[in-house]
């Protein structure tokens, strides 16, 4: 499953920035620390699918867009 998330961090960062949302704002929305968002964006941590779903909702996008970029 790691290969499925190969571009997750970059996709997350691009989508978050396109929404005008800071890491702190996204972290607050998800109830996690800013370091968690930083780790996701740097591909140092891989979120669970449940977390990806929450991120997608917070960013008004789809899980597919976050994971695959389309």
PDB file of N, CA and C in Angstrom:
ATOM      1  N   UNK A   1       0.820  -1.194   0.000  1.00  0.00           N
ATOM      2  CA  UNK A   1       0.000   0.000   0.000  1.00  0.00           C
ATOM      3  C   UNK A   1       0.863   1.257   0.000  1.00  0.00           C
ATOM      4  N   UNK A   2       2.111   1.159   0.396  1.00  0.00           N
ATOM      5  CA  UNK A   2       3.014   2.313   0.408  1.00  0.00           C
ATOM      6  C   UNK A   2       3.082   2.962  -0.970  1.00  0.00           C
ATOM      7  N   UNK A   3       3.140   2.168  -2.044  1.00  0.00           N
ATOM      8  CA  UNK A   3       3.202   2.730  -3.386  1.00  0.00           C
ATOM      9  C   UNK A   3       1.964   3.565  -3.708  1.00  0.00           C
ATOM     10  N   UNK A   4       0.817   3.160  -3.180  1.00  0.00           N
ATOM     11  CA  UNK A   4      -0.401   3.923  -3.400  1.00  0.00           C
ATOM     12  C   UNK A   4      -0.287   5.333  -2.813  1.00  0.00           C
ATOM     13  N   UNK A   5       0.510   5.470  -1.763  1.00  0.00           N
ATOM     14  CA  UNK A   5       0.639   6.747  -1.072  1.00  0.00           C
ATOM     15  C   UNK A   5       1.913   7.498  -1.452  1.00  0.00           C
ATOM     16  N   UNK A   6       2.570   7.058  -2.510  1.00  0.00           N
ATOM     17  CA  UNK A   6       3.849   7.640  -2.907  1.00  0.00           C
ATOM     18  C   UNK A   6       3.780   9.156  -3.095  1.00  0.00           C
ATOM     19  N   UNK A   7       2.691   9.655  -3.659  1.00  0.00           N
ATOM     20  CA  UNK A   7       2.549  11.088  -3.924  1.00  0.00           C
ATOM     21  C   UNK A   7       1.598  11.788  -2.960  1.00  0.00           C
ATOM     22  N   UNK A   8       1.184  11.068  -1.920  1.00  0.00           N
ATOM     23  CA  UNK A   8       0.198  11.623  -0.988  1.00  0.00           C
ATOM     24  C   UNK A   8       0.656  12.950  -0.394  1.00  0.00           C
ATOM     25  N   UNK A   9       1.882  12.988   0.118  1.00  0.00           N
ATOM     26  CA  UNK A   9       2.368  14.190   0.783  1.00  0.00           C
ATOM     27  C   UNK A   9       2.350  15.405  -0.118  1.00  0.00           C
ATOM     28  N   UNK A  10       2.838  15.238  -1.322  1.00  0.00           N
ATOM     29  CA  UNK A  10       2.851  16.353  -2.274  1.00  0.00           C
ATOM     30  C   UNK A  10       1.430  16.757  -2.661  1.00  0.00           C
ATOM     31  N   UNK A  11       0.576  15.770  -2.895  1.00  0.00           N
ATOM     32  CA  UNK A  11      -0.819  16.066  -3.238  1.00  0.00           C
ATOM     33  C   UNK A  11      -1.497  16.818  -2.095  1.00  0.00           C
ATOM     34  N   UNK A  12      -1.271  16.361  -0.870  1.00  0.00           N
ATOM     35  CA  UNK A  12      -1.861  17.022   0.292  1.00  0.00           C
ATOM     36  C   UNK A  12      -1.414  18.474   0.363  1.00  0.00           C
ATOM     37  N   UNK A  13      -0.124  18.709   0.218  1.00  0.00           N
ATOM     38  CA  UNK A  13       0.413  20.070   0.301  1.00  0.00           C
ATOM     39  C   UNK A  13      -0.168  20.968  -0.786  1.00  0.00           C
ATOM     40  N   UNK A  14      -0.209  20.462  -2.024  1.00  0.00           N
ATOM     41  CA  UNK A  14      -0.746  21.253  -3.137  1.00  0.00           C
ATOM     42  C   UNK A  14      -2.216  21.596  -2.925  1.00  0.00           C
ATOM     43  N   UNK A  15      -2.998  20.611  -2.520  1.00  0.00           N
ATOM     44  CA  UNK A  15      -4.435  20.846  -2.324  1.00  0.00           C
ATOM     45  C   UNK A  15      -4.662  21.781  -1.141  1.00  0.00           C
ATOM     46  N   UNK A  16      -3.947  21.547  -0.041  1.00  0.00           N
ATOM     47  CA  UNK A  16      -4.098  22.411   1.138  1.00  0.00           C
ATOM     48  C   UNK A  16      -3.791  23.864   0.783  1.00  0.00           C
ATOM     49  N   UNK A  17      -2.682  24.082   0.089  1.00  0.00           N
ATOM     50  CA  UNK A  17      -2.304  25.447  -0.287  1.00  0.00           C
ATOM     51  C   UNK A  17      -3.307  26.052  -1.266  1.00  0.00           C
ATOM     52  N   UNK A  18      -3.830  25.237  -2.189  1.00  0.00           N
ATOM     53  CA  UNK A  18      -4.803  25.758  -3.157  1.00  0.00           C
ATOM     54  C   UNK A  18      -6.098  26.187  -2.470  1.00  0.00           C
ATOM     55  N   UNK A  19      -6.356  25.633  -1.293  1.00  0.00           N
ATOM     56  CA  UNK A  19      -7.543  26.001  -0.514  1.00  0.00           C
ATOM     57  C   UNK A  19      -7.262  27.186   0.416  1.00  0.00           C
ATOM     58  N   UNK A  20      -5.993  27.649   0.418  1.00  0.00           N
ATOM     59  CA  UNK A  20      -5.638  28.769   1.288  1.00  0.00           C
ATOM     60  C   UNK A  20      -5.613  28.392   2.753  1.00  0.00           C
ATOM     61  N   UNK A  21      -5.377  27.131   3.039  1.00  0.00           N
ATOM     62  CA  UNK A  21      -5.394  26.638   4.409  1.00  0.00           C
ATOM     63  C   UNK A  21      -3.959  26.415   4.903  1.00  0.00           C
ATOM     64  N   UNK A  22      -3.687  26.829   6.126  1.00  0.00           N
ATOM     65  CA  UNK A  22      -2.374  26.595   6.711  1.00  0.00           C
ATOM     66  C   UNK A  22      -2.322  25.198   7.330  1.00  0.00           C
ATOM     67  N   UNK A  23      -1.113  24.754   7.610  1.00  0.00           N
ATOM     68  CA  UNK A  23      -0.962  23.470   8.308  1.00  0.00           C
ATOM     69  C   UNK A  23      -1.668  23.521   9.654  1.00  0.00           C
ATOM     70  N   UNK A  24      -1.535  24.646  10.345  1.00  0.00           N
ATOM     71  CA  UNK A  24      -2.164  24.792  11.664  1.00  0.00           C
ATOM     72  C   UNK A  24      -3.684  24.695  11.571  1.00  0.00           C
ATOM     73  N   UNK A  25      -4.255  25.308  10.549  1.00  0.00           N
ATOM     74  CA  UNK A  25      -5.715  25.258  10.375  1.00  0.00           C
ATOM     75  C   UNK A  25      -6.180  23.833  10.086  1.00  0.00           C
ATOM     76  N   UNK A  26      -5.452  23.134   9.211  1.00  0.00           N
ATOM     77  CA  UNK A  26      -5.826  21.755   8.901  1.00  0.00           C
ATOM     78  C   UNK A  26      -5.661  20.871  10.125  1.00  0.00           C
ATOM     79  N   UNK A  27      -4.569  21.061  10.839  1.00  0.00           N
ATOM     80  CA  UNK A  27      -4.330  20.272  12.048  1.00  0.00           C
ATOM     81  C   UNK A  27      -5.461  20.462  13.057  1.00  0.00           C
ATOM     82  N   UNK A  28      -5.884  21.705  13.249  1.00  0.00           N
ATOM     83  CA  UNK A  28      -6.972  21.987  14.188  1.00  0.00           C
ATOM     84  C   UNK A  28      -8.262  21.315  13.741  1.00  0.00           C
ATOM     85  N   UNK A  29      -8.542  21.401  12.451  1.00  0.00           N
ATOM     86  CA  UNK A  29      -9.749  20.781  11.881  1.00  0.00           C
ATOM     87  C   UNK A  29      -9.764  19.267  12.130  1.00  0.00           C
ATOM     88  N   UNK A  30      -8.581  18.656  12.063  1.00  0.00           N
ATOM     89  CA  UNK A  30      -8.480  17.201  12.225  1.00  0.00           C
ATOM     90  C   UNK A  30      -8.249  16.765  13.665  1.00  0.00           C
ATOM     91  N   UNK A  31      -7.926  17.714  14.537  1.00  0.00           N
ATOM     92  CA  UNK A  31      -7.654  17.382  15.932  1.00  0.00           C
ATOM     93  C   UNK A  31      -6.299  16.718  16.127  1.00  0.00           C
ATOM     94  N   UNK A  32      -5.325  17.138  15.316  1.00  0.00           N
ATOM     95  CA  UNK A  32      -3.959  16.601  15.417  1.00  0.00           C
ATOM     96  C   UNK A  32      -2.988  17.773  15.534  1.00  0.00           C
ATOM     97  N   UNK A  33      -1.722  17.466  15.778  1.00  0.00           N
ATOM     98  CA  UNK A  33      -0.707  18.500  15.857  1.00  0.00           C
ATOM     99  C   UNK A  33      -0.201  18.898  14.480  1.00  0.00           C
ATOM    100  N   UNK A  34       0.373  20.083  14.407  1.00  0.00           N
ATOM    101  CA  UNK A  34       0.953  20.566  13.159  1.00  0.00           C
ATOM    102  C   UNK A  34       2.046  19.610  12.682  1.00  0.00           C
ATOM    103  N   UNK A  35       2.787  19.026  13.623  1.00  0.00           N
ATOM    104  CA  UNK A  35       3.860  18.087  13.261  1.00  0.00           C
ATOM    105  C   UNK A  35       3.306  16.895  12.478  1.00  0.00           C
ATOM    106  N   UNK A  36       2.109  16.477  12.784  1.00  0.00           N
ATOM    107  CA  UNK A  36       1.489  15.364  12.060  1.00  0.00           C
ATOM    108  C   UNK A  36       1.273  15.743  10.595  1.00  0.00           C
ATOM    109  N   UNK A  37       0.755  16.934  10.354  1.00  0.00           N
ATOM    110  CA  UNK A  37       0.540  17.395   8.982  1.00  0.00           C
ATOM    111  C   UNK A  37       1.874  17.510   8.267  1.00  0.00           C
ATOM    112  N   UNK A  38       2.862  18.071   8.950  1.00  0.00           N
ATOM    113  CA  UNK A  38       4.205  18.192   8.378  1.00  0.00           C
ATOM    114  C   UNK A  38       4.746  16.828   7.987  1.00  0.00           C
ATOM    115  N   UNK A  39       4.572  15.837   8.849  1.00  0.00           N
ATOM    116  CA  UNK A  39       5.050  14.480   8.562  1.00  0.00           C
ATOM    117  C   UNK A  39       4.304  13.850   7.393  1.00  0.00           C
ATOM    118  N   UNK A  40       3.017  14.093   7.289  1.00  0.00           N
ATOM    119  CA  UNK A  40       2.261  13.588   6.134  1.00  0.00           C
ATOM    120  C   UNK A  40       2.776  14.216   4.845  1.00  0.00           C
ATOM    121  N   UNK A  41       2.957  15.524   4.865  1.00  0.00           N
ATOM    122  CA  UNK A  41       3.386  16.230   3.656  1.00  0.00           C
ATOM    123  C   UNK A  41       4.804  15.857   3.244  1.00  0.00           C
ATOM    124  N   UNK A  42       5.630  15.467   4.201  1.00  0.00           N
ATOM    125  CA  UNK A  42       7.012  15.062   3.908  1.00  0.00           C
ATOM    126  C   UNK A  42       7.120  13.560   3.656  1.00  0.00           C
ATOM    127  N   UNK A  43       5.979  12.873   3.638  1.00  0.00           N
ATOM    128  CA  UNK A  43       5.930  11.418   3.451  1.00  0.00           C
ATOM    129  C   UNK A  43       6.727  10.662   4.508  1.00  0.00           C
ATOM    130  N   UNK A  44       6.808  11.226   5.710  1.00  0.00           N
ATOM    131  CA  UNK A  44       7.455  10.520   6.820  1.00  0.00           C
ATOM    132  C   UNK A  44       6.467   9.648   7.571  1.00  0.00           C
ATOM    133  N   UNK A  45       5.182   9.961   7.430  1.00  0.00           N
ATOM    134  CA  UNK A  45       4.114   9.153   8.029  1.00  0.00           C
ATOM    135  C   UNK A  45       3.027   8.967   6.995  1.00  0.00           C
ATOM    136  N   UNK A  46       2.387   7.818   7.049  1.00  0.00           N
ATOM    137  CA  UNK A  46       1.272   7.513   6.150  1.00  0.00           C
ATOM    138  C   UNK A  46      -0.004   7.437   6.978  1.00  0.00           C
ATOM    139  N   UNK A  47      -0.991   8.239   6.654  1.00  0.00           N
ATOM    140  CA  UNK A  47      -2.240   8.211   7.422  1.00  0.00           C
ATOM    141  C   UNK A  47      -3.070   6.977   7.103  1.00  0.00           C
ATOM    142  N   UNK A  48      -3.935   6.634   8.045  1.00  0.00           N
ATOM    143  CA  UNK A  48      -4.896   5.561   7.800  1.00  0.00           C
ATOM    144  C   UNK A  48      -5.907   6.046   6.773  1.00  0.00           C
ATOM    145  N   UNK A  49      -6.637   5.116   6.190  1.00  0.00           N
ATOM    146  CA  UNK A  49      -7.673   5.503   5.225  1.00  0.00           C
ATOM    147  C   UNK A  49      -8.754   6.343   5.888  1.00  0.00           C
ATOM    148  N   UNK A  50      -9.044   6.067   7.152  1.00  0.00           N
ATOM    149  CA  UNK A  50     -10.028   6.872   7.876  1.00  0.00           C
ATOM    150  C   UNK A  50      -9.549   8.317   8.000  1.00  0.00           C
ATOM    151  N   UNK A  51      -8.266   8.487   8.251  1.00  0.00           N
ATOM    152  CA  UNK A  51      -7.700   9.838   8.344  1.00  0.00           C
ATOM    153  C   UNK A  51      -7.691  10.514   6.988  1.00  0.00           C
ATOM    154  N   UNK A  52      -7.368   9.778   5.933  1.00  0.00           N
ATOM    155  CA  UNK A  52      -7.403  10.346   4.585  1.00  0.00           C
ATOM    156  C   UNK A  52      -8.815  10.843   4.281  1.00  0.00           C
ATOM    157  N   UNK A  53      -9.814  10.102   4.696  1.00  0.00           N
ATOM    158  CA  UNK A  53     -11.201  10.513   4.491  1.00  0.00           C
ATOM    159  C   UNK A  53     -11.492  11.827   5.214  1.00  0.00           C
ATOM    160  N   UNK A  54     -11.010  11.964   6.448  1.00  0.00           N
ATOM    161  CA  UNK A  54     -11.205  13.199   7.209  1.00  0.00           C
ATOM    162  C   UNK A  54     -10.489  14.376   6.550  1.00  0.00           C
ATOM    163  N   UNK A  55      -9.281  14.120   6.052  1.00  0.00           N
ATOM    164  CA  UNK A  55      -8.521  15.166   5.371  1.00  0.00           C
ATOM    165  C   UNK A  55      -9.266  15.602   4.116  1.00  0.00           C
ATOM    166  N   UNK A  56      -9.759  14.628   3.355  1.00  0.00           N
ATOM    167  CA  UNK A  56     -10.500  14.934   2.128  1.00  0.00           C
ATOM    168  C   UNK A  56     -11.713  15.807   2.430  1.00  0.00           C
ATOM    169  N   UNK A  57     -12.429  15.483   3.480  1.00  0.00           N
ATOM    170  CA  UNK A  57     -13.592  16.276   3.869  1.00  0.00           C
ATOM    171  C   UNK A  57     -13.179  17.689   4.263  1.00  0.00           C
ATOM    172  N   UNK A  58     -12.121  17.803   5.053  1.00  0.00           N
ATOM    173  CA  UNK A  58     -11.649  19.116   5.510  1.00  0.00           C
ATOM    174  C   UNK A  58     -11.199  19.991   4.350  1.00  0.00           C
ATOM    175  N   UNK A  59     -10.646  19.356   3.317  1.00  0.00           N
ATOM    176  CA  UNK A  59     -10.140  20.111   2.164  1.00  0.00           C
ATOM    177  C   UNK A  59     -11.127  20.153   1.003  1.00  0.00           C
ATOM    178  N   UNK A  60     -12.312  19.608   1.210  1.00  0.00           N
ATOM    179  CA  UNK A  60     -13.346  19.579   0.177  1.00  0.00           C
ATOM    180  C   UNK A  60     -12.810  18.974  -1.122  1.00  0.00           C
ATOM    181  N   UNK A  61     -12.220  17.790  -0.982  1.00  0.00           N
ATOM    182  CA  UNK A  61     -11.696  17.068  -2.138  1.00  0.00           C
ATOM    183  C   UNK A  61     -12.029  15.587  -1.956  1.00  0.00           C
ATOM    184  N   UNK A  62     -11.475  14.759  -2.797  1.00  0.00           N
ATOM    185  CA  UNK A  62     -11.731  13.325  -2.698  1.00  0.00           C
ATOM    186  C   UNK A  62     -10.494  12.596  -2.193  1.00  0.00           C
ATOM    187  N   UNK A  63     -10.714  11.423  -1.654  1.00  0.00           N
ATOM    188  CA  UNK A  63      -9.596  10.583  -1.230  1.00  0.00           C
ATOM    189  C   UNK A  63      -8.723  10.243  -2.434  1.00  0.00           C
ATOM    190  N   UNK A  64      -9.355   9.987  -3.554  1.00  0.00           N
ATOM    191  CA  UNK A  64      -8.626   9.636  -4.774  1.00  0.00           C
ATOM    192  C   UNK A  64      -7.674  10.763  -5.188  1.00  0.00           C
ATOM    193  N   UNK A  65      -8.152  12.003  -5.075  1.00  0.00           N
ATOM    194  CA  UNK A  65      -7.325  13.140  -5.418  1.00  0.00           C
ATOM    195  C   UNK A  65      -6.118  13.241  -4.476  1.00  0.00           C
ATOM    196  N   UNK A  66      -6.322  12.992  -3.214  1.00  0.00           N
ATOM    197  CA  UNK A  66      -5.218  13.034  -2.256  1.00  0.00           C
ATOM    198  C   UNK A  66      -4.215  11.918  -2.491  1.00  0.00           C
ATOM    199  N   UNK A  67      -4.702  10.724  -2.749  1.00  0.00           N
ATOM    200  CA  UNK A  67      -3.816   9.566  -2.876  1.00  0.00           C
ATOM    201  C   UNK A  67      -3.161   9.510  -4.253  1.00  0.00           C
ATOM    202  N   UNK A  68      -3.960   9.716  -5.294  1.00  0.00           N
ATOM    203  CA  UNK A  68      -3.463   9.517  -6.665  1.00  0.00           C
ATOM    204  C   UNK A  68      -3.253  10.800  -7.457  1.00  0.00           C
ATOM    205  N   UNK A  69      -3.875  11.873  -7.008  1.00  0.00           N
ATOM    206  CA  UNK A  69      -3.735  13.142  -7.713  1.00  0.00           C
ATOM    207  C   UNK A  69      -4.697  13.330  -8.866  1.00  0.00           C
ATOM    208  N   UNK A  70      -5.730  12.486  -8.944  1.00  0.00           N
ATOM    209  CA  UNK A  70      -6.752  12.638  -9.998  1.00  0.00           C
ATOM    210  C   UNK A  70      -8.089  12.163  -9.496  1.00  0.00           C
TER     211      UNK A  70
END
